[in-house]
């Protein structure tokens, strides 16, 4: 079985900001992840990626928030989207963007 693309979308959120979301269902987990999803979510403002969630082989589930990188506990694609959207709202609030 090949990877199945579940979603790939770019959503414009402001004249200078967009969110890009890509999620695949994979036949086997990408080590060290234990789930059957590959994902890449990014929030880009003024041409700079300020927030990113991804899981790459060898690195596992993690998120980048500004200059900080930390592990992310993946529960489900729905929870991933909820966490990503909450972080977009948080980043906008912290950076005086409404």
Protein backbone atom coordinates (compact mmCIF):
# COMPACT_ATOMS: atom_id res chain seq x y z
CA UNK A 1 0.00 0.00 0.00
CA UNK A 2 1.24 3.48 -0.84
CA UNK A 3 0.80 6.63 1.22
CA UNK A 4 -2.67 8.13 0.77
CA UNK A 5 -2.97 11.89 0.77
CA UNK A 6 -5.74 12.92 3.16
CA UNK A 7 -5.42 16.66 2.74
CA UNK A 8 -3.14 19.17 1.06
CA UNK A 9 -4.33 22.72 1.27
CA UNK A 10 -3.10 26.29 1.50
CA UNK A 11 -5.43 28.72 3.25
CA UNK A 12 -4.84 32.45 2.98
CA UNK A 13 -5.45 33.99 6.41
CA UNK A 14 -4.32 37.58 5.72
CA UNK A 15 -2.76 39.52 2.88
CA UNK A 16 0.67 38.47 4.16
CA UNK A 17 -0.11 35.17 5.93
CA UNK A 18 -1.22 31.65 5.06
CA UNK A 19 -1.43 28.20 6.59
CA UNK A 20 -0.33 25.16 4.63
CA UNK A 21 -1.54 21.72 5.70
CA UNK A 22 -0.51 18.33 4.30
CA UNK A 23 -1.41 14.99 5.92
CA UNK A 24 -0.94 11.47 4.54
CA UNK A 25 -1.97 8.06 5.82
CA UNK A 26 1.11 5.84 5.51
CA UNK A 27 1.27 2.03 5.45
CA UNK A 28 3.81 1.92 8.31
CA UNK A 29 4.77 4.48 10.95
CA UNK A 30 7.81 6.64 10.22
CA UNK A 31 10.19 5.79 13.07
CA UNK A 32 10.28 6.90 15.81
CA UNK A 33 6.57 7.85 15.39
CA UNK A 34 4.16 5.08 16.35
CA UNK A 35 1.14 6.19 14.28
CA UNK A 36 0.28 5.77 10.60
CA UNK A 37 0.33 9.45 9.59
CA UNK A 38 2.87 11.71 7.94
CA UNK A 39 2.18 15.43 8.29
CA UNK A 40 3.53 18.90 7.63
CA UNK A 41 1.66 21.98 8.83
CA UNK A 42 3.10 25.48 8.53
CA UNK A 43 2.02 29.02 9.29
CA UNK A 44 3.86 31.57 7.16
CA UNK A 45 3.78 35.32 7.84
CA UNK A 46 5.51 37.89 5.63
CA UNK A 47 7.38 35.10 3.86
CA UNK A 48 8.73 33.58 7.10
CA UNK A 49 7.63 30.26 8.60
CA UNK A 50 6.77 31.16 12.21
CA UNK A 51 5.08 27.90 13.21
CA UNK A 52 5.48 24.34 11.93
CA UNK A 53 4.38 20.88 12.99
CA UNK A 54 5.92 17.86 11.29
CA UNK A 55 7.18 14.33 11.77
CA UNK A 56 10.20 13.31 9.82
CA UNK A 57 11.90 9.95 9.80
CA UNK A 58 14.48 9.77 12.56
CA UNK A 59 13.19 12.86 14.34
CA UNK A 60 9.58 11.99 15.11
CA UNK A 61 6.69 14.24 16.02
CA UNK A 62 7.71 17.79 16.87
CA UNK A 63 6.79 21.42 16.44
CA UNK A 64 8.67 24.62 15.76
CA UNK A 65 7.33 27.77 17.40
CA UNK A 66 9.45 30.72 16.38
CA UNK A 67 13.04 29.69 17.14
CA UNK A 68 11.96 26.98 19.60
CA UNK A 69 11.68 23.30 18.66
CA UNK A 70 10.07 20.76 20.97
CA UNK A 71 8.54 17.26 20.87
CA UNK A 72 4.84 17.04 20.01
CA UNK A 73 2.58 14.29 21.35
CA UNK A 74 0.46 13.17 18.38
CA UNK A 75 -3.02 11.90 19.32
CA UNK A 76 -5.03 12.12 16.08
CA UNK A 77 -5.27 14.21 12.90
CA UNK A 78 -8.22 16.13 14.42
CA UNK A 79 -6.22 16.97 17.56
CA UNK A 80 -3.23 17.95 15.41
CA UNK A 81 -5.39 20.48 13.55
CA UNK A 82 -6.89 21.81 16.81
CA UNK A 83 -3.42 22.28 18.31
CA UNK A 84 -2.11 23.93 15.14
CA UNK A 85 -5.05 26.34 14.98
CA UNK A 86 -4.65 27.18 18.68
CA UNK A 87 -0.96 27.93 18.11
CA UNK A 88 -1.79 30.18 15.15
CA UNK A 89 -4.19 32.14 17.38
CA UNK A 90 -1.56 32.28 20.13
CA UNK A 91 1.16 33.47 17.75
CA UNK A 92 -1.15 36.14 16.32
CA UNK A 93 -2.04 37.34 19.83
CA UNK A 94 1.59 37.40 20.98
CA UNK A 95 2.60 39.31 17.86
CA UNK A 96 -0.28 41.82 17.90
CA UNK A 97 -2.06 40.40 14.87
CA UNK A 98 -5.82 40.09 15.03
